[in-house]
Amino acid sequence: ASYDTNRTGGIIAINLREGDDLIKAMLVDDDADILLVSRKGMSIRFSAGNDSLRATGRSTSGVTGMRFRSDDELLDASVVSDNGFVFVVTEGGYAKRTSADQYRLQNRGGLGIKVAKLSDDRGDLAGALIVEEDDEVLVVLESGKVVRSDVSEVPAKGRDTMGVVFARFEEGDKILAIAQNSE
């Protein structure tokens, strides 16, 4: 209701601190869980209920969802469904799919737990999504190419694994982002 306005110039949705960027905006219910994933392969799952994520006004800066080591940053945020999978892809074309129930609830504001083992040759994470078994994912390469694949092509594995080859591309190219196919 705080955003229900007819102002054509827009309204302030959040006050960002210096050095902060807005990554994503989502509608959540009090009984939902949120999963934050970092570029360096860490994740934290916490409840969206008032006990951990209290409602604040539009023009506030919010509360800390996740802390990061010095070389890390937030990659994505998703609403978790327990029958879904956490799907991550590295810049080097490797992907893994893990059942969402392997991510335990934590208190927000921590460093989190590993979402994937990463190595230099595979790169950092390029994307993270909550998917279902029959979903399709689009992978966007730096060269401008787009690869479309079924989520089911990636076997469901444990949380602390490296993943399998998901997209092959020429040397020097890398994955920039992933998106769920809405069709």
Protein backbone atom coordinates (compact mmCIF):
# COMPACT_ATOMS: atom_id res chain seq x y z
CA ALA A 1 0.00 0.00 0.00
CA SER A 2 2.99 2.34 0.60
CA TYR A 3 3.72 2.26 -3.14
CA ASP A 4 0.14 2.88 -4.30
CA THR A 5 0.42 6.37 -5.75
CA ASN A 6 -0.39 8.18 -8.97
CA ARG A 7 2.80 10.27 -8.96
CA THR A 8 4.28 10.11 -12.45
CA GLY A 9 7.79 11.07 -11.31
CA GLY A 10 8.04 8.03 -9.04
CA ILE A 11 8.59 7.76 -5.31
CA ILE A 12 11.53 6.77 -3.13
CA ALA A 13 11.53 3.00 -2.63
CA ILE A 14 14.77 2.69 -0.62
CA ASN A 15 17.60 4.89 0.60
CA LEU A 16 20.87 3.36 -0.59
CA ARG A 17 24.04 3.82 1.44
CA GLU A 18 27.22 4.85 -0.38
CA GLY A 19 28.68 1.83 -2.18
CA ASP A 20 25.37 -0.09 -2.18
CA ASP A 21 23.46 -1.13 -5.30
CA LEU A 22 19.91 -2.41 -5.62
CA ILE A 23 20.11 -6.02 -6.92
CA LYS A 24 16.48 -7.12 -6.86
CA ALA A 25 13.02 -6.26 -5.57
CA MET A 26 10.56 -9.03 -4.69
CA LEU A 27 7.10 -9.42 -3.22
CA VAL A 28 7.19 -11.77 -0.22
CA ASP A 29 4.75 -13.08 2.37
CA ASP A 30 5.52 -13.31 6.10
CA ASP A 31 5.74 -17.10 5.87
CA ALA A 32 8.23 -17.08 2.96
CA ASP A 33 11.96 -17.75 3.13
CA ILE A 34 14.54 -15.70 1.23
CA LEU A 35 17.81 -17.06 -0.20
CA LEU A 36 20.69 -14.67 -0.87
CA VAL A 37 23.61 -15.92 -2.99
CA SER A 38 27.02 -14.26 -3.39
CA ARG A 39 29.37 -14.26 -6.40
CA LYS A 40 31.97 -16.26 -4.43
CA GLY A 41 29.54 -19.12 -3.75
CA MET A 42 28.10 -18.34 -0.32
CA SER A 43 24.39 -18.37 0.53
CA ILE A 44 22.11 -17.55 3.42
CA ARG A 45 18.46 -18.54 3.88
CA PHE A 46 16.30 -16.64 6.37
CA SER A 47 12.63 -16.09 7.10
CA ALA A 48 10.79 -13.04 5.74
CA GLY A 49 8.64 -12.99 8.89
CA ASN A 50 8.65 -10.08 11.33
CA ASP A 51 10.94 -11.92 13.75
CA SER A 52 13.91 -11.64 11.39
CA LEU A 53 12.89 -9.18 8.66
CA ARG A 54 10.77 -6.46 10.20
CA ALA A 55 8.77 -4.16 7.97
CA THR A 56 10.31 -0.71 7.50
CA GLY A 57 9.18 2.42 5.74
CA ARG A 58 9.79 3.14 2.05
CA SER A 59 12.54 5.68 2.51
CA THR A 60 14.73 3.67 4.91
CA SER A 61 17.85 1.71 4.05
CA GLY A 62 16.59 -1.61 5.43
CA VAL A 63 18.47 -4.24 7.44
CA THR A 64 21.54 -6.36 6.71
CA GLY A 65 20.63 -9.55 4.88
CA MET A 66 24.12 -11.00 4.42
CA ARG A 67 27.71 -10.07 5.23
CA PHE A 68 30.56 -10.63 2.77
CA ARG A 69 34.28 -11.23 2.79
CA SER A 70 36.25 -8.35 1.26
CA ASP A 71 36.31 -9.75 -2.30
CA ASP A 72 32.65 -10.86 -2.43
CA GLU A 73 29.30 -9.25 -3.23
CA LEU A 74 25.62 -10.15 -3.58
CA LEU A 75 24.69 -11.90 -6.83
CA ASP A 76 20.99 -12.67 -6.45
CA ALA A 77 18.04 -12.98 -4.10
CA SER A 78 15.11 -15.38 -4.45
CA VAL A 79 12.01 -16.51 -2.63
CA VAL A 80 12.56 -20.16 -1.73
CA SER A 81 10.06 -22.95 -2.34
CA ASP A 82 10.91 -26.20 -0.53
CA ASN A 83 9.98 -28.36 -3.51
CA GLY A 84 12.27 -26.35 -5.79
CA PHE A 85 15.97 -26.43 -6.55
CA VAL A 86 18.76 -23.89 -6.16
CA PHE A 87 20.33 -23.63 -9.62
CA VAL A 88 23.70 -21.90 -9.99
CA VAL A 89 25.96 -21.35 -13.02
CA THR A 90 29.61 -20.25 -13.07
CA GLU A 91 31.19 -17.81 -15.52
CA GLY A 92 33.08 -20.77 -17.02
CA GLY A 93 29.91 -22.68 -17.96
CA TYR A 94 29.47 -25.12 -15.07
CA ALA A 95 26.11 -25.58 -13.37
CA LYS A 96 24.69 -27.41 -10.40
CA ARG A 97 21.24 -28.03 -9.03
CA THR A 98 20.61 -28.68 -5.34
CA SER A 99 17.35 -29.34 -3.53
CA ALA A 100 16.30 -26.20 -1.64
CA ASP A 101 15.74 -28.19 1.56
CA GLN A 102 19.55 -28.60 1.83
CA TYR A 103 19.74 -24.90 2.72
CA ARG A 104 18.89 -24.58 6.40
CA LEU A 105 17.30 -21.52 7.94
CA GLN A 106 19.81 -19.13 9.48
CA ASN A 107 19.67 -15.74 11.08
CA ARG A 108 20.11 -12.96 8.54
CA GLY A 109 23.29 -10.91 8.70
CA GLY A 110 25.82 -13.78 8.64
CA LEU A 111 28.35 -14.97 6.04
CA GLY A 112 26.16 -17.98 5.19
CA ILE A 113 27.06 -21.45 3.93
CA LYS A 114 28.57 -22.69 0.65
CA VAL A 115 26.28 -23.00 -2.35
CA ALA A 116 29.05 -24.46 -4.56
CA LYS A 117 32.73 -25.29 -4.65
CA LEU A 118 34.41 -22.81 -6.97
CA SER A 119 37.80 -22.89 -8.67
CA ASP A 120 39.76 -20.32 -10.67
CA ASP A 121 39.26 -22.15 -13.99
CA ARG A 122 35.46 -22.23 -13.52
CA GLY A 123 35.17 -18.61 -12.38
CA ASP A 124 32.79 -16.98 -9.93
CA LEU A 125 29.05 -17.55 -9.98
CA ALA A 126 27.28 -15.78 -12.86
CA GLY A 127 23.72 -16.52 -11.73
CA ALA A 128 21.52 -18.20 -9.16
CA LEU A 129 17.82 -19.11 -9.48
CA ILE A 130 15.14 -21.10 -7.70
CA VAL A 131 13.81 -23.54 -10.32
CA GLU A 132 11.49 -26.52 -10.72
CA GLU A 133 12.37 -29.82 -12.44
CA ASP A 134 10.65 -28.91 -15.74
CA ASP A 135 11.98 -25.33 -16.09
CA GLU A 136 14.26 -24.01 -18.83
CA VAL A 137 17.15 -21.63 -18.28
CA LEU A 138 18.64 -19.06 -20.66
CA VAL A 139 22.38 -18.38 -20.39
CA VAL A 140 23.71 -15.07 -21.76
CA LEU A 141 27.34 -15.04 -22.92
CA GLU A 142 29.64 -12.02 -23.07
CA SER A 143 29.82 -12.50 -26.87
CA GLY A 144 26.06 -11.89 -27.07
CA LYS A 145 25.05 -15.49 -27.68
CA VAL A 146 22.18 -17.05 -25.72
CA VAL A 147 22.04 -20.75 -24.82
CA ARG A 148 18.74 -22.37 -23.80
CA SER A 149 18.78 -25.59 -21.73
CA ASP A 150 16.50 -27.69 -19.57
CA VAL A 151 17.16 -27.65 -15.84
CA SER A 152 16.69 -31.44 -15.82
CA GLU A 153 19.94 -31.79 -17.86
CA VAL A 154 21.84 -30.93 -14.68
CA PRO A 155 21.71 -33.76 -12.12
CA ALA A 156 20.63 -32.84 -8.58
CA LYS A 157 23.72 -32.94 -6.34
CA GLY A 158 24.77 -31.92 -2.85
CA ARG A 159 25.30 -28.36 -1.75
CA ASP A 160 29.11 -28.47 -1.56
CA THR A 161 29.86 -29.90 -5.04
CA MET A 162 31.44 -28.36 -8.16
CA GLY A 163 28.76 -29.00 -10.78
CA VAL A 164 28.84 -30.25 -14.37
CA VAL A 165 29.49 -28.69 -17.79
CA PHE A 166 26.35 -26.78 -18.74
CA ALA A 167 27.37 -24.51 -21.62
CA ARG A 168 30.33 -24.79 -23.99
CA PHE A 169 31.69 -21.71 -25.69
CA GLU A 170 34.84 -20.34 -27.28
CA GLU A 171 37.99 -19.51 -25.32
CA GLY A 172 37.85 -15.96 -23.94
CA ASP A 173 34.05 -15.91 -23.69
CA LYS A 174 32.19 -16.20 -20.39
CA ILE A 175 28.69 -16.32 -18.96
CA LEU A 176 27.36 -12.95 -17.84
CA ALA A 177 23.91 -13.89 -16.55
CA ILE A 178 21.20 -16.53 -16.42
CA ALA A 179 17.43 -16.20 -16.52
CA GLN A 180 14.48 -18.53 -16.24
CA ASN A 181 12.63 -19.04 -19.53
CA SER A 182 9.14 -17.67 -18.92
CA GLU A 183 7.50 -19.50 -21.84
